[in-house]
Protein backbone atom coordinates (compact mmCIF):
# COMPACT_ATOMS: atom_id res chain seq x y z
CA UNK A 1 223.10 -55.24 -8.16
CA UNK A 2 225.05 -52.12 -8.49
CA UNK A 3 227.38 -53.06 -6.03
CA UNK A 4 227.44 -56.67 -7.36
CA UNK A 5 228.34 -55.16 -10.39
CA UNK A 6 231.39 -52.94 -9.47
CA UNK A 7 232.53 -55.94 -7.37
CA UNK A 8 232.82 -58.18 -10.19
CA UNK A 9 234.26 -55.75 -12.05
CA UNK A 10 237.21 -54.89 -9.47
CA UNK A 11 237.75 -59.21 -9.43
CA UNK A 12 238.01 -59.00 -13.13
CA UNK A 13 240.75 -56.06 -12.98
CA UNK A 14 242.70 -57.83 -10.17
CA UNK A 15 241.89 -55.12 -7.63
CA UNK A 16 239.66 -57.60 -5.53
CA UNK A 17 240.27 -61.16 -5.32
CA UNK A 18 239.35 -63.98 -2.92
CA UNK A 19 241.17 -66.84 -2.67
CA UNK A 20 239.57 -70.90 -2.14
CA UNK A 21 241.23 -72.24 1.44
CA UNK A 22 243.52 -74.63 1.63
CA UNK A 23 241.30 -77.73 2.85
CA UNK A 24 239.00 -77.80 -0.25
CA UNK A 25 242.06 -77.10 -2.66
CA UNK A 26 243.52 -80.14 -1.14
CA UNK A 27 240.64 -82.33 -1.56
CA UNK A 28 240.04 -81.06 -5.36
CA UNK A 29 243.70 -82.96 -5.73
CA UNK A 30 242.63 -86.14 -4.34
CA UNK A 31 242.73 -88.03 -7.25
CA UNK A 32 239.68 -90.60 -5.93
CA UNK A 33 237.73 -89.24 -2.68
CA UNK A 34 236.53 -91.98 -0.14
CA UNK A 35 233.64 -90.42 1.07
CA UNK A 36 233.10 -93.55 3.73
CA UNK A 37 236.74 -92.19 5.70
CA UNK A 38 235.35 -89.76 8.43
CA UNK A 39 238.46 -87.12 8.55
CA UNK A 40 237.41 -86.53 5.15
CA UNK A 41 233.73 -86.90 5.14
CA UNK A 42 233.02 -83.45 7.69
CA UNK A 43 234.67 -81.58 4.30
CA UNK A 44 232.54 -83.15 1.91
CA UNK A 45 229.54 -80.62 2.15
CA UNK A 46 231.97 -77.36 2.17
CA UNK A 47 233.88 -79.08 -1.18
CA UNK A 48 230.17 -79.72 -2.48
CA UNK A 49 229.07 -75.99 -2.65
CA UNK A 50 232.45 -74.68 -3.22
CA UNK A 51 232.84 -77.04 -6.18
CA UNK A 52 231.46 -74.93 -8.95
CA UNK A 53 234.30 -72.51 -8.41
CA UNK A 54 236.47 -75.52 -9.80
CA UNK A 55 233.67 -76.88 -12.72
CA UNK A 56 232.99 -73.47 -13.94
CA UNK A 57 236.61 -72.52 -14.13
CA UNK A 58 237.36 -75.48 -15.75
CA UNK A 59 234.59 -74.97 -18.04
CA UNK A 60 234.98 -71.26 -19.14
CA UNK A 61 239.29 -71.67 -18.89
CA UNK A 62 239.06 -68.55 -15.98
CA UNK A 63 241.32 -69.09 -13.16
CA UNK A 64 239.70 -71.05 -10.39
CA UNK A 65 240.11 -68.15 -7.62
CA UNK A 66 238.56 -65.36 -9.83
CA UNK A 67 235.61 -67.71 -10.61
CA UNK A 68 235.36 -68.58 -6.55
CA UNK A 69 235.48 -64.63 -6.32
CA UNK A 70 232.12 -64.00 -8.69
CA UNK A 71 230.56 -67.40 -6.94
CA UNK A 72 230.98 -65.24 -3.39
CA UNK A 73 229.75 -62.17 -5.23
CA UNK A 74 226.54 -64.25 -6.41
CA UNK A 75 226.18 -65.59 -3.03
CA UNK A 76 226.80 -62.02 -1.75
CA UNK A 77 223.71 -60.34 -4.11
CA UNK A 78 221.61 -63.16 -2.84
CA UNK A 79 221.71 -62.88 0.40
CA UNK A 80 221.16 -58.75 0.22
CA UNK A 81 217.86 -60.44 -1.31
CA UNK A 82 217.09 -62.87 1.31
CA UNK A 83 217.70 -60.26 3.78
CA UNK A 84 215.36 -57.62 1.93
CA UNK A 85 212.76 -60.30 0.96
CA UNK A 86 212.35 -61.07 4.66
CA UNK A 87 212.02 -57.48 5.86
CA UNK A 88 209.13 -56.98 3.22
CA UNK A 89 207.59 -60.30 4.25
CA UNK A 90 206.99 -58.87 8.12
CA UNK A 91 206.92 -54.90 8.11
CA UNK A 92 203.32 -53.61 8.27
CA UNK A 93 204.45 -50.95 6.14
CA UNK A 94 207.22 -49.86 3.72
CA UNK A 95 209.13 -46.88 5.37
CA UNK A 96 209.58 -49.58 8.39
CA UNK A 97 212.11 -51.83 5.98
CA UNK A 98 215.61 -50.67 7.62
CA UNK A 99 218.52 -50.48 5.10
CA UNK A 100 220.46 -53.29 6.68
CA UNK A 101 220.44 -55.54 2.94
CA UNK A 102 223.13 -53.43 2.08
CA UNK A 103 225.19 -54.92 4.89
CA UNK A 104 226.60 -58.17 2.77
CA UNK A 105 228.31 -56.07 0.34
CA UNK A 106 230.29 -53.96 3.23
CA UNK A 107 231.43 -57.48 4.89
CA UNK A 108 232.51 -58.37 1.10
CA UNK A 109 235.54 -56.72 1.24
CA UNK A 110 236.71 -57.22 4.91
CA UNK A 111 235.74 -61.09 5.47
CA UNK A 112 236.97 -64.32 3.82
CA UNK A 113 235.21 -66.19 0.75
CA UNK A 114 234.14 -69.00 3.79
CA UNK A 115 232.22 -66.85 5.96
CA UNK A 116 230.02 -65.53 3.01
CA UNK A 117 229.09 -69.05 2.44
CA UNK A 118 228.01 -69.34 5.83
CA UNK A 119 226.04 -65.97 5.98
CA UNK A 120 224.33 -67.26 3.05
CA UNK A 121 223.18 -70.45 4.26
CA UNK A 122 221.86 -69.03 8.01
CA UNK A 123 220.12 -66.13 5.74
CA UNK A 124 218.17 -68.75 3.58
CA UNK A 125 217.70 -70.85 6.98
CA UNK A 126 215.87 -67.91 8.62
CA UNK A 127 213.66 -66.81 5.48
CA UNK A 128 212.78 -70.54 4.97
CA UNK A 129 211.64 -70.41 8.67
CA UNK A 130 209.83 -67.51 8.78
CA UNK A 131 207.39 -68.92 5.85
CA UNK A 132 207.47 -72.00 7.67
CA UNK A 133 206.07 -70.08 10.47
CA UNK A 134 203.66 -68.11 8.56
CA UNK A 135 202.38 -70.74 6.46
CA UNK A 136 204.00 -68.89 3.21
CA UNK A 137 206.14 -72.05 2.24
CA UNK A 138 206.19 -73.56 -1.16
CA UNK A 139 206.97 -77.48 -1.63
CA UNK A 140 210.44 -76.93 -1.73
CA UNK A 141 211.08 -75.81 1.74
CA UNK A 142 212.70 -78.57 3.02
CA UNK A 143 214.84 -78.96 0.40
CA UNK A 144 215.60 -75.03 0.55
CA UNK A 145 216.45 -76.33 4.52
CA UNK A 146 218.89 -78.60 3.20
CA UNK A 147 220.60 -76.61 1.34
CA UNK A 148 221.20 -73.67 4.09
CA UNK A 149 222.56 -76.25 6.05
CA UNK A 150 225.11 -77.18 3.59
CA UNK A 151 226.09 -73.93 2.82
CA UNK A 152 226.00 -73.25 6.14
CA UNK A 153 228.59 -76.51 7.16
CA UNK A 154 231.74 -74.66 5.03
CA UNK A 155 232.83 -73.95 9.16
CA UNK A 156 231.82 -76.10 11.79
CA UNK A 157 230.58 -73.33 14.52
CA UNK A 158 228.54 -71.73 11.89
CA UNK A 159 226.77 -75.40 11.08
CA UNK A 160 226.42 -75.71 14.84
CA UNK A 161 224.66 -72.10 15.02
CA UNK A 162 222.45 -73.15 11.61
CA UNK A 163 221.40 -76.53 13.57
CA UNK A 164 220.70 -75.04 16.92
CA UNK A 165 219.00 -71.97 15.21
CA UNK A 166 216.77 -75.00 13.69
CA UNK A 167 215.99 -76.75 16.61
CA UNK A 168 215.14 -74.17 18.52
CA UNK A 169 212.68 -72.29 16.41
CA UNK A 170 210.90 -75.21 14.60
CA UNK A 171 210.66 -77.96 17.57
CA UNK A 172 207.09 -76.68 17.86
CA UNK A 173 206.17 -77.29 14.28
CA UNK A 174 207.70 -80.08 13.76
CA UNK A 175 205.96 -81.82 17.05
CA UNK A 176 202.96 -80.32 15.94
CA UNK A 177 203.13 -81.67 12.02
CA UNK A 178 203.81 -85.45 13.47
CA UNK A 179 200.50 -84.94 15.43
CA UNK A 180 198.42 -84.38 12.65
CA UNK A 181 197.40 -87.03 9.89
CA UNK A 182 196.26 -90.56 10.53
CA UNK A 183 198.13 -93.77 12.05
CA UNK A 184 200.14 -94.27 8.73
CA UNK A 185 201.27 -90.48 8.06
CA UNK A 186 202.49 -90.34 11.49
CA UNK A 187 204.55 -93.38 11.52
CA UNK A 188 206.04 -91.77 8.08
CA UNK A 189 206.59 -88.66 9.45
CA UNK A 190 208.18 -89.59 12.64
CA UNK A 191 210.18 -92.47 10.99
CA UNK A 192 211.80 -89.10 8.53
CA UNK A 193 211.73 -86.85 10.94
CA UNK A 194 214.10 -89.16 12.77
CA UNK A 195 216.42 -90.03 10.33
CA UNK A 196 216.93 -86.43 9.18
CA UNK A 197 217.45 -85.70 13.13
CA UNK A 198 220.22 -88.39 13.19
CA UNK A 199 221.81 -87.47 10.12
CA UNK A 200 222.09 -83.77 11.42
CA UNK A 201 223.54 -85.03 14.55
CA UNK A 202 225.91 -87.70 13.24
CA UNK A 203 227.48 -84.41 10.95
CA UNK A 204 227.63 -82.94 13.99
CA UNK A 205 229.40 -84.88 16.05
CA UNK A 206 231.95 -85.86 13.55
CA UNK A 207 232.50 -81.64 13.34
CA UNK A 208 232.69 -81.61 17.13
CA UNK A 209 235.26 -84.87 17.35
CA UNK A 210 237.24 -83.28 14.65
CA UNK A 211 237.59 -79.92 16.48
CA UNK A 212 238.13 -81.93 19.58
CA UNK A 213 241.43 -83.83 17.54
CA UNK A 214 242.80 -80.73 16.15
CA UNK A 215 242.90 -79.16 19.84
CA UNK A 216 244.41 -82.06 21.57
CA UNK A 217 241.54 -84.49 22.23
CA UNK A 218 239.41 -84.90 25.32
CA UNK A 219 238.80 -82.71 27.90
CA UNK A 220 241.67 -81.35 26.76
CA UNK A 221 240.62 -80.73 23.58
CA UNK A 222 237.21 -79.13 24.97
CA UNK A 223 239.31 -76.34 26.91
CA UNK A 224 241.56 -75.81 23.73
CA UNK A 225 238.19 -75.19 21.61
CA UNK A 226 236.74 -72.82 24.43
CA UNK A 227 239.86 -71.11 23.94
CA UNK A 228 239.68 -70.31 20.34
CA UNK A 229 236.89 -68.19 20.83
CA UNK A 230 235.52 -65.58 23.06
CA UNK A 231 236.09 -68.34 26.07
CA UNK A 232 239.96 -66.51 25.39
CA UNK A 233 239.07 -64.85 28.16
CA UNK A 234 238.71 -67.79 30.55
CA UNK A 235 241.86 -69.63 29.14
CA UNK A 236 244.47 -67.84 27.11
CA UNK A 237 247.29 -70.37 27.56
CA UNK A 238 246.46 -72.30 24.75
CA UNK A 239 246.25 -69.80 22.31
CA UNK A 240 249.72 -68.20 23.39
CA UNK A 241 251.04 -72.04 22.51
CA UNK A 242 249.78 -71.65 18.84
CA UNK A 243 250.80 -67.96 17.69
CA UNK A 244 251.32 -67.31 14.12
CA UNK A 245 251.28 -63.74 12.24
CA UNK A 246 247.87 -64.31 11.09
CA UNK A 247 246.48 -63.81 14.46
CA UNK A 248 248.74 -61.23 16.36
CA UNK A 249 246.26 -59.23 17.92
CA UNK A 250 244.49 -62.55 19.71
CA UNK A 251 248.00 -63.34 20.50
CA UNK A 252 248.76 -59.97 22.13
CA UNK A 253 245.69 -60.22 24.56
CA UNK A 254 246.48 -63.48 24.78
CA UNK A 255 250.05 -62.07 26.21
CA UNK A 256 248.04 -59.33 28.13
CA UNK A 257 246.18 -61.69 29.82
CA UNK A 258 249.03 -63.83 31.23
CA UNK A 259 250.74 -61.22 32.58
CA UNK A 260 249.27 -61.77 36.45
CA UNK A 261 246.40 -63.53 38.02
CA UNK A 262 245.52 -60.59 39.45
CA UNK A 263 244.97 -59.04 35.51
CA UNK A 264 243.58 -62.24 34.26
CA UNK A 265 240.79 -61.85 37.57
CA UNK A 266 239.91 -58.21 36.68
CA UNK A 267 239.75 -59.29 32.61
CA UNK A 268 237.46 -62.54 33.54
CA UNK A 269 234.94 -59.97 36.18
CA UNK A 270 234.64 -57.68 33.33
CA UNK A 271 234.06 -60.43 30.49
CA UNK A 272 231.19 -61.89 33.17
CA UNK A 273 229.57 -58.85 34.01
CA UNK A 274 229.51 -57.54 30.15
CA UNK A 275 227.44 -60.91 29.18
CA UNK A 276 225.48 -60.59 32.10
CA UNK A 277 224.70 -57.16 31.27
CA UNK A 278 224.19 -58.18 27.85
CA UNK A 279 221.66 -61.08 28.61
CA UNK A 280 219.78 -58.37 30.26
CA UNK A 281 219.47 -55.86 27.64
CA UNK A 282 218.92 -58.51 25.45
CA UNK A 283 215.83 -59.98 27.65
CA UNK A 284 214.31 -56.66 27.98
CA UNK A 285 214.60 -55.19 23.94
CA UNK A 286 211.25 -55.77 22.19
CA UNK A 287 212.94 -57.87 19.51
CA UNK A 288 210.85 -60.95 18.40
CA UNK A 289 211.79 -64.31 19.94
CA UNK A 290 213.04 -65.03 16.45
CA UNK A 291 215.58 -62.38 16.43
CA UNK A 292 216.65 -63.07 20.12
CA UNK A 293 216.97 -67.05 19.44
CA UNK A 294 219.48 -66.04 16.88
CA UNK A 295 221.40 -63.59 18.65
CA UNK A 296 221.59 -65.96 21.24
CA UNK A 297 222.93 -69.17 19.29
CA UNK A 298 225.38 -66.97 17.97
CA UNK A 299 226.55 -65.62 20.80
CA UNK A 300 227.38 -69.03 22.21
CA UNK A 301 229.09 -70.02 19.23
CA UNK A 302 231.39 -67.03 19.43
CA UNK A 303 232.73 -68.96 22.83
CA UNK A 304 234.07 -71.36 20.58
CA UNK A 305 235.56 -69.09 17.59
CA UNK A 306 235.24 -65.60 16.60
CA UNK A 307 234.05 -66.41 13.17
CA UNK A 308 231.18 -68.37 14.47
CA UNK A 309 230.46 -65.05 16.55
CA UNK A 310 229.84 -63.32 13.45
CA UNK A 311 226.80 -65.40 13.12
CA UNK A 312 225.07 -62.81 14.74
CA UNK A 313 224.76 -60.52 11.31
CA UNK A 314 222.25 -63.36 10.18
CA UNK A 315 219.86 -61.34 12.72
CA UNK A 316 220.25 -57.73 11.79
CA UNK A 317 217.05 -58.32 9.18
CA UNK A 318 214.74 -58.82 11.80
CA UNK A 319 216.18 -56.51 14.33
CA UNK A 320 213.06 -54.97 13.95
CA UNK A 321 210.55 -53.62 16.96
CA UNK A 322 207.62 -56.00 17.42
CA UNK A 323 205.04 -52.99 16.99
CA UNK A 324 206.34 -52.73 13.79
CA UNK A 325 206.03 -56.33 12.29
CA UNK A 326 202.62 -59.02 11.49
CA UNK A 327 200.88 -59.59 13.93
CA UNK A 328 201.15 -63.49 13.39
CA UNK A 329 204.88 -63.71 13.43
């Protein structure tokens, strides 16, 4: 709470201020929203989670960006509390709790507000899935999962990470649940599960199409999306073609890679070796499968975007040695 109080004070005195990103400002300025328009539909979930900034800003006559900053600080506090709660649930003894739960507050001053929304969504999803696994969940756990995916949807990359993490960690639980009960109960569960899954996949493909179209469409769009993240090493040309002052470092790396084919081949070889080394370390590291799955989906997402790669941060509170955590997890 001390960190949150300091951050709010800094924002009130204009020493720290975040701004609502342009997509949300644009949607807010549209007189009437057409929820059936696919190009707009993909932005509706992120608009919903940011909307309190506009609503309470107008209600209390506060600048919307100041309200947004306070909102982000509150989400950071909630994320920190979630991380601490996760460790209290999992560890055998209190002395095994690490101090990773302060990380969100340090990130607050180095990342944009958009990523804080995604980190909160991923962290909420993580704690809910852990409670599901340990059978500690309450009646509102599924509503919580919907909310977590809603917050993760502020970025198509982080939404994809959340969706993949959900599928990897819970498919067995879902399958076991579908096999319990009488025929009618099984039918209702199956139908509800299929509807939810179809809805999520529909949104995933909406996000995918939007990004493909933005980067050129078709195969070209797919190749260019890969270049947006760690795939830059494999194909830096599209990045260099769309360089601007905001991503100077990435542009410099792209330019360096394109100096010669030999240099580019060397960097690709180094990249492949580092990924292989990372995979070997991850395989041998004594971590719970949940933690490994969180890292893997984040790294996969990182191939398509550097912001998505930052999703790996949500694995921090569960990077605990297996002998330190509950045996039933």
